[in-house]
C-alpha atoms as a PDB file:
ATOM      1  CA  MET A   1      -2.522 148.775 -63.644  1.00  0.00           C
ATOM      2  CA  THR A   2       0.344 150.533 -63.492  1.00  0.00           C
ATOM      3  CA  MET A   3       3.926 151.999 -63.704  1.00  0.00           C
ATOM      4  CA  LEU A   4       2.747 152.969 -66.655  1.00  0.00           C
ATOM      5  CA  PRO A   5       5.969 156.162 -66.949  1.00  0.00           C
ATOM      6  CA  LYS A   6       3.362 159.039 -66.686  1.00  0.00           C
ATOM      7  CA  MET A   7       1.174 155.903 -66.849  1.00  0.00           C
ATOM      8  CA  ALA A   8      -0.555 153.610 -65.003  1.00  0.00           C
ATOM      9  CA  HIS A   9      -0.741 149.780 -64.967  1.00  0.00           C
ATOM     10  CA  LEU A  10       0.535 146.929 -63.647  1.00  0.00           C
ATOM     11  CA  LEU A  11      -2.327 147.723 -63.334  1.00  0.00           C
ATOM     12  CA  SER A  12      -1.898 148.278 -65.410  1.00  0.00           C
ATOM     13  CA  GLY A  13       0.184 150.411 -67.758  1.00  0.00           C
ATOM     14  CA  SER A  14       3.206 152.445 -67.894  1.00  0.00           C
ATOM     15  CA  THR A  15       4.293 152.429 -64.714  1.00  0.00           C
ATOM     16  CA  ILE A  16       3.406 149.059 -64.280  1.00  0.00           C
ATOM     17  CA  VAL A  17       6.743 147.464 -63.724  1.00  0.00           C
ATOM     18  CA  LEU A  18       8.278 144.214 -62.325  1.00  0.00           C
ATOM     19  CA  ALA A  19       9.164 143.071 -59.689  1.00  0.00           C
ATOM     20  CA  LEU A  20      12.098 142.831 -57.742  1.00  0.00           C
ATOM     21  CA  SER A  21      14.515 140.761 -55.130  1.00  0.00           C
ATOM     22  CA  VAL A  22      14.117 136.953 -54.258  1.00  0.00           C
ATOM     23  CA  LEU A  23      12.046 136.369 -51.074  1.00  0.00           C
ATOM     24  CA  GLY A  24      11.054 133.507 -50.083  1.00  0.00           C
ATOM     25  CA  MET A  25       8.145 133.791 -47.418  1.00  0.00           C
ATOM     26  CA  SER A  26       4.623 133.312 -48.617  1.00  0.00           C
ATOM     27  CA  GLY A  27       2.875 136.624 -50.626  1.00  0.00           C
ATOM     28  CA  GLN A  28       6.151 137.845 -50.909  1.00  0.00           C
ATOM     29  CA  VAL A  29       7.541 138.363 -54.907  1.00  0.00           C
ATOM     30  CA  GLY A  30      10.995 137.450 -56.362  1.00  0.00           C
ATOM     31  CA  TYR A  31      12.917 137.362 -59.076  1.00  0.00           C
ATOM     32  CA  ALA A  32      13.753 134.320 -61.099  1.00  0.00           C
ATOM     33  CA  PRO A  33      14.959 133.375 -64.630  1.00  0.00           C
ATOM     34  CA  ALA A  34      11.942 131.922 -66.531  1.00  0.00           C
ATOM     35  CA  ALA A  35      13.400 128.438 -66.934  1.00  0.00           C
ATOM     36  CA  SER A  36      12.804 128.212 -63.152  1.00  0.00           C
ATOM     37  CA  ALA A  37      10.168 129.973 -62.546  1.00  0.00           C
ATOM     38  CA  LYS A  38       7.803 128.102 -64.829  1.00  0.00           C
ATOM     39  CA  GLY A  39       9.009 124.451 -62.815  1.00  0.00           C
ATOM     40  CA  GLU A  40       8.119 125.781 -59.268  1.00  0.00           C
ATOM     41  CA  MET A  41       4.813 128.104 -60.450  1.00  0.00           C
ATOM     42  CA  GLN A  42       2.042 125.813 -59.219  1.00  0.00           C
ATOM     43  CA  ASN A  43       3.475 125.006 -56.200  1.00  0.00           C
ATOM     44  CA  THR A  44       4.474 127.926 -54.391  1.00  0.00           C
ATOM     45  CA  ALA A  45       2.175 130.969 -53.308  1.00  0.00           C
ATOM     46  CA  THR A  46       5.618 133.362 -53.727  1.00  0.00           C
ATOM     47  CA  ALA A  47       4.799 135.464 -57.305  1.00  0.00           C
ATOM     48  CA  ILE A  48       7.839 134.680 -59.493  1.00  0.00           C
ATOM     49  CA  VAL A  49       8.736 137.705 -61.944  1.00  0.00           C
ATOM     50  CA  TYR A  50      10.714 136.547 -65.246  1.00  0.00           C
ATOM     51  CA  ASP A  51      11.063 137.485 -68.675  1.00  0.00           C
ATOM     52  CA  GLU A  52       8.926 135.495 -70.973  1.00  0.00           C
ATOM     53  CA  LYS A  53       9.116 136.132 -75.280  1.00  0.00           C
ATOM     54  CA  ILE A  54       5.268 136.436 -76.059  1.00  0.00           C
ATOM     55  CA  ASP A  55       4.333 136.804 -80.008  1.00  0.00           C
ATOM     56  CA  GLY A  56       8.308 137.953 -80.509  1.00  0.00           C
ATOM     57  CA  LYS A  57       8.123 140.838 -77.548  1.00  0.00           C
ATOM     58  CA  VAL A  58       9.886 140.088 -74.289  1.00  0.00           C
ATOM     59  CA  TYR A  59       6.938 140.183 -71.602  1.00  0.00           C
ATOM     60  CA  GLN A  60       8.001 140.975 -67.906  1.00  0.00           C
ATOM     61  CA  VAL A  61       5.651 138.366 -66.046  1.00  0.00           C
ATOM     62  CA  SER A  62       4.742 137.354 -62.613  1.00  0.00           C
ATOM     63  CA  LYS A  63       2.388 135.063 -61.306  1.00  0.00           C
ATOM     64  CA  LEU A  64       1.204 134.075 -57.419  1.00  0.00           C
ATOM     65  CA  LEU A  65      -1.355 131.493 -55.982  1.00  0.00           C
ATOM     66  CA  ILE A  66      -4.173 133.143 -54.552  1.00  0.00           C
ATOM     67  CA  ASN A  67      -5.762 131.980 -52.065  1.00  0.00           C
ATOM     68  CA  ALA A  68      -9.287 133.265 -53.452  1.00  0.00           C
ATOM     69  CA  SER A  69     -11.391 131.635 -56.344  1.00  0.00           C
ATOM     70  CA  VAL A  70     -11.878 132.807 -59.923  1.00  0.00           C
ATOM     71  CA  ASP A  71     -15.499 134.771 -58.721  1.00  0.00           C
ATOM     72  CA  GLN A  72     -13.475 136.400 -55.822  1.00  0.00           C
ATOM     73  CA  ILE A  73     -11.010 138.285 -57.696  1.00  0.00           C
ATOM     74  CA  TRP A  74     -12.486 138.896 -61.156  1.00  0.00           C
ATOM     75  CA  PRO A  75     -14.368 141.955 -59.364  1.00  0.00           C
ATOM     76  CA  PHE A  76     -10.748 143.692 -58.440  1.00  0.00           C
ATOM     77  CA  LEU A  77      -9.531 143.060 -61.986  1.00  0.00           C
ATOM     78  CA  ILE A  78     -12.483 145.105 -63.705  1.00  0.00           C
ATOM     79  CA  ASP A  79     -13.369 147.567 -60.839  1.00  0.00           C
ATOM     80  CA  TYR A  80     -11.884 150.585 -62.452  1.00  0.00           C
ATOM     81  CA  LYS A  81     -13.511 153.572 -60.803  1.00  0.00           C
ATOM     82  CA  ASN A  82     -11.941 151.987 -57.671  1.00  0.00           C
ATOM     83  CA  ALA A  83      -8.450 151.590 -59.292  1.00  0.00           C
ATOM     84  CA  PRO A  84      -6.780 154.025 -57.525  1.00  0.00           C
ATOM     85  CA  THR A  85      -8.024 152.882 -54.262  1.00  0.00           C
ATOM     86  CA  ASN A  86      -7.265 148.911 -55.231  1.00  0.00           C
ATOM     87  CA  PHE A  87      -3.770 149.645 -56.813  1.00  0.00           C
ATOM     88  CA  PRO A  88      -0.901 152.266 -55.382  1.00  0.00           C
ATOM     89  CA  THR A  89       0.580 153.297 -58.589  1.00  0.00           C
ATOM     90  CA  VAL A  90      -2.660 153.939 -60.221  1.00  0.00           C
ATOM     91  CA  LYS A  91      -3.983 157.948 -59.565  1.00  0.00           C
ATOM     92  CA  LYS A  92      -6.526 157.853 -62.135  1.00  0.00           C
ATOM     93  CA  CYS A  93      -8.887 155.451 -63.822  1.00  0.00           C
ATOM     94  CA  GLN A  94     -11.760 156.766 -65.757  1.00  0.00           C
ATOM     95  CA  VAL A  95     -13.728 154.429 -68.750  1.00  0.00           C
ATOM     96  CA  ILE A  96     -14.056 156.699 -71.462  1.00  0.00           C
ATOM     97  CA  GLU A  97     -15.962 154.678 -73.509  1.00  0.00           C
ATOM     98  CA  ASP A  98     -17.718 151.533 -72.771  1.00  0.00           C
ATOM     99  CA  LYS A  99     -18.903 148.644 -75.007  1.00  0.00           C
ATOM    100  CA  GLY A 100     -19.283 145.762 -72.629  1.00  0.00           C
ATOM    101  CA  ASN A 101     -15.792 143.277 -72.839  1.00  0.00           C
ATOM    102  CA  LEU A 102     -14.354 145.933 -75.157  1.00  0.00           C
ATOM    103  CA  LYS A 103     -13.701 149.509 -73.186  1.00  0.00           C
ATOM    104  CA  LYS A 104     -11.196 152.404 -73.336  1.00  0.00           C
ATOM    105  CA  ILE A 105      -9.942 153.846 -70.295  1.00  0.00           C
ATOM    106  CA  SER A 106      -7.476 156.946 -69.360  1.00  0.00           C
ATOM    107  CA  TYR A 107      -4.973 156.253 -66.435  1.00  0.00           C
ATOM    108  CA  THR A 108      -2.805 158.461 -64.699  1.00  0.00           C
ATOM    109  CA  VAL A 109      -0.241 156.508 -62.895  1.00  0.00           C
ATOM    110  CA  GLN A 110       2.868 157.321 -60.562  1.00  0.00           C
ATOM    111  CA  PRO A 111       6.058 155.167 -60.281  1.00  0.00           C
ATOM    112  CA  THR A 112       6.935 154.326 -56.697  1.00  0.00           C
ATOM    113  CA  GLY A 113      10.134 156.314 -55.622  1.00  0.00           C
ATOM    114  CA  TYR A 114       9.061 159.589 -58.292  1.00  0.00           C
ATOM    115  CA  PRO A 115       6.808 161.611 -56.080  1.00  0.00           C
ATOM    116  CA  MET A 116       6.647 164.212 -59.079  1.00  0.00           C
ATOM    117  CA  THR A 117       6.217 162.016 -61.902  1.00  0.00           C
ATOM    118  CA  THR A 118       2.823 160.734 -62.985  1.00  0.00           C
ATOM    119  CA  PHE A 119       2.174 159.257 -66.864  1.00  0.00           C
ATOM    120  CA  ASP A 120      -0.529 159.440 -68.746  1.00  0.00           C
ATOM    121  CA  TYR A 121      -2.221 157.113 -71.551  1.00  0.00           C
ATOM    122  CA  ILE A 122      -5.339 155.395 -73.094  1.00  0.00           C
ATOM    123  CA  LEU A 123      -5.893 152.106 -73.007  1.00  0.00           C
ATOM    124  CA  GLU A 124      -8.229 149.650 -75.398  1.00  0.00           C
ATOM    125  CA  VAL A 125      -9.377 146.850 -72.884  1.00  0.00           C
ATOM    126  CA  SER A 126     -11.054 143.632 -73.440  1.00  0.00           C
ATOM    127  CA  ASN A 127     -11.962 140.866 -71.094  1.00  0.00           C
ATOM    128  CA  ARG A 128     -12.754 137.922 -71.621  1.00  0.00           C
ATOM    129  CA  PRO A 129     -15.222 137.011 -68.900  1.00  0.00           C
ATOM    130  CA  LYS A 130     -13.436 135.364 -65.554  1.00  0.00           C
ATOM    131  CA  SER A 131     -10.170 134.433 -67.212  1.00  0.00           C
ATOM    132  CA  LEU A 132      -8.435 136.608 -69.131  1.00  0.00           C
ATOM    133  CA  VAL A 133      -8.061 141.209 -69.394  1.00  0.00           C
ATOM    134  CA  GLU A 134      -5.893 141.990 -72.107  1.00  0.00           C
ATOM    135  CA  TRP A 135      -4.837 145.554 -72.844  1.00  0.00           C
ATOM    136  CA  HIS A 136      -2.946 147.777 -75.475  1.00  0.00           C
ATOM    137  CA  ARG A 137      -2.159 151.715 -75.880  1.00  0.00           C
ATOM    138  CA  ILE A 138      -3.755 153.532 -77.881  1.00  0.00           C
ATOM    139  CA  GLY A 139      -2.855 157.039 -77.125  1.00  0.00           C
ATOM    140  CA  GLY A 140      -0.838 159.137 -74.054  1.00  0.00           C
ATOM    141  CA  ASP A 141       3.049 158.191 -72.872  1.00  0.00           C
ATOM    142  CA  PHE A 142       5.266 155.699 -74.151  1.00  0.00           C
ATOM    143  CA  LYS A 143       5.659 154.261 -77.336  1.00  0.00           C
ATOM    144  CA  GLU A 144       3.925 150.919 -76.873  1.00  0.00           C
ATOM    145  CA  VAL A 145       1.686 149.360 -73.436  1.00  0.00           C
ATOM    146  CA  LEU A 146       1.095 145.893 -73.924  1.00  0.00           C
ATOM    147  CA  GLY A 147      -0.356 143.405 -71.021  1.00  0.00           C
ATOM    148  CA  PHE A 148      -2.374 141.222 -69.646  1.00  0.00           C
ATOM    149  CA  TRP A 149      -3.849 139.526 -66.417  1.00  0.00           C
ATOM    150  CA  LYS A 150      -4.959 135.813 -66.582  1.00  0.00           C
ATOM    151  CA  LEU A 151      -6.597 133.855 -64.004  1.00  0.00           C
ATOM    152  CA  GLU A 152      -6.373 130.184 -63.465  1.00  0.00           C
ATOM    153  CA  PRO A 153      -8.726 127.992 -60.834  1.00  0.00           C
ATOM    154  CA  GLN A 154      -6.358 125.897 -58.953  1.00  0.00           C
ATOM    155  CA  GLY A 155      -7.203 123.652 -55.799  1.00  0.00           C
ATOM    156  CA  ASN A 156     -11.055 122.548 -57.111  1.00  0.00           C
ATOM    157  CA  GLY A 157     -11.706 126.463 -57.721  1.00  0.00           C
ATOM    158  CA  ARG A 158     -10.363 127.256 -53.693  1.00  0.00           C
ATOM    159  CA  GLN A 159      -7.785 128.992 -55.194  1.00  0.00           C
ATOM    160  CA  THR A 160      -6.096 130.634 -58.524  1.00  0.00           C
ATOM    161  CA  LEU A 161      -3.290 130.979 -60.345  1.00  0.00           C
ATOM    162  CA  VAL A 162      -2.715 134.765 -61.185  1.00  0.00           C
ATOM    163  CA  THR A 163      -0.347 135.515 -63.999  1.00  0.00           C
ATOM    164  CA  TYR A 164       0.548 138.920 -64.794  1.00  0.00           C
ATOM    165  CA  GLY A 165       2.415 140.108 -67.939  1.00  0.00           C
ATOM    166  CA  THR A 166       3.942 143.388 -68.851  1.00  0.00           C
ATOM    167  CA  TYR A 167       5.424 144.943 -72.166  1.00  0.00           C
ATOM    168  CA  LEU A 168       6.548 148.802 -72.068  1.00  0.00           C
ATOM    169  CA  VAL A 169       8.268 150.820 -74.316  1.00  0.00           C
ATOM    170  CA  GLY A 170       9.039 154.640 -73.556  1.00  0.00           C
ATOM    171  CA  ASP A 171       9.926 157.220 -75.786  1.00  0.00           C
ATOM    172  CA  PHE A 172      12.447 159.998 -75.518  1.00  0.00           C
ATOM    173  CA  PHE A 173      11.677 161.169 -71.835  1.00  0.00           C
ATOM    174  CA  THR A 174      11.183 157.806 -70.705  1.00  0.00           C
ATOM    175  CA  PRO A 175      14.398 155.665 -70.976  1.00  0.00           C
ATOM    176  CA  GLN A 176      13.890 151.777 -71.177  1.00  0.00           C
ATOM    177  CA  PHE A 177      16.230 151.576 -68.409  1.00  0.00           C
ATOM    178  CA  LEU A 178      13.967 153.733 -65.893  1.00  0.00           C
ATOM    179  CA  ILE A 179      10.884 151.964 -67.247  1.00  0.00           C
ATOM    180  CA  LYS A 180      12.458 148.252 -66.019  1.00  0.00           C
ATOM    181  CA  LYS A 181      13.241 149.890 -62.605  1.00  0.00           C
ATOM    182  CA  SER A 182      10.062 150.953 -61.870  1.00  0.00           C
ATOM    183  CA  VAL A 183       8.496 147.623 -63.148  1.00  0.00           C
ATOM    184  CA  LYS A 184      10.626 145.550 -60.879  1.00  0.00           C
ATOM    185  CA  GLN A 185       9.488 148.342 -57.812  1.00  0.00           C
ATOM    186  CA  ASP A 186       5.432 147.874 -58.794  1.00  0.00           C
ATOM    187  CA  LEU A 187       4.888 145.054 -60.233  1.00  0.00           C
ATOM    188  CA  PRO A 188       4.652 143.289 -56.868  1.00  0.00           C
ATOM    189  CA  LEU A 189       2.817 146.200 -55.688  1.00  0.00           C
ATOM    190  CA  ALA A 190       0.365 145.800 -57.846  1.00  0.00           C
ATOM    191  CA  MET A 191       0.650 141.465 -56.721  1.00  0.00           C
ATOM    192  CA  SER A 192       0.515 141.754 -53.199  1.00  0.00           C
ATOM    193  CA  ALA A 193      -2.863 144.471 -53.754  1.00  0.00           C
ATOM    194  CA  LEU A 194      -4.816 142.073 -55.936  1.00  0.00           C
ATOM    195  CA  LYS A 195      -3.263 139.303 -53.267  1.00  0.00           C
ATOM    196  CA  ARG A 196      -4.711 141.706 -49.951  1.00  0.00           C
ATOM    197  CA  HIS A 197      -8.010 142.618 -51.565  1.00  0.00           C
ATOM    198  CA  ALA A 198      -8.985 139.032 -52.565  1.00  0.00           C
ATOM    199  CA  GLU A 199      -8.010 137.290 -49.537  1.00  0.00           C
ATOM    200  CA  ARG A 200      -9.842 140.149 -47.804  1.00  0.00           C
ATOM    201  CA  SER A 201     -13.225 138.989 -49.517  1.00  0.00           C
ATOM    202  CA  THR A 202     -12.512 135.221 -49.002  1.00  0.00           C
ATOM    203  CA  GLU A 203     -12.349 135.668 -45.196  1.00  0.00           C
ATOM    204  CA  VAL A 204     -15.189 138.118 -44.976  1.00  0.00           C
ATOM    205  CA  ALA A 205     -17.521 135.020 -46.784  1.00  0.00           C
ATOM    206  CA  GLY A 206     -16.595 132.632 -44.471  1.00  0.00           C
ATOM    207  CA  ARG A 207     -17.313 134.303 -41.739  1.00  0.00           C
ATOM    208  CA  PRO A 208     -20.705 133.245 -39.820  1.00  0.00           C
ATOM    209  CA  ASN A 209     -23.730 135.379 -41.123  1.00  0.00           C
ATOM    210  CA  ALA A 210     -21.687 136.702 -43.581  1.00  0.00           C
ATOM    211  CA  GLY A 211     -23.631 139.192 -45.427  1.00  0.00           C
ATOM    212  CA  GLY A 212     -26.353 139.438 -43.262  1.00  0.00           C
ATOM    213  CA  ARG A 213     -27.593 140.215 -39.792  1.00  0.00           C
ATOM    214  CA  ASN A 214     -26.302 138.804 -36.311  1.00  0.00           C
ATOM    215  CA  GLU A 215     -29.591 137.217 -34.698  1.00  0.00           C
END
């Protein structure tokens, strides 16, 4: 969870950063102004990245239609133990306090293209089961880290519209223009990783004798 300047989040966190150029193929991520993004989102498998003002702050937001149910996607979002495996910019992720749907989580994130740079921060993460994950910074790098994952069932539950939003404010050592650059590189990576993992689980579940032994 990811770009999170010395941090982590797309998935989140400081390093999580927003996405890039316009690509028209399914599963790829592009950039579009908010006006066109909102109009297209329900009918495309392409993740559109745009700016959206939420509670007075300008978030970078991406949406992607994934061919998997909410039940298949949700476990990846809350699998903090395996976040470094599931999301490319997350290097370390540890739950330091667990109160069920409210957790404190320590992240180390490494932005794409900065092999010698990591960011560390602590997020308070709250879950609304199978629909929403929200977080905010309570310590570590960056002045402010806010974000969310939102899941909305589509296609009679066979697909899910995933929304990922992040708002990052750096400090003296992490200027805003570098944060935005990182977000544009790393947010698409997080969305693509989620899509890949979730759709792979869908394919496995659809195979004959999936989860069982062949007779």
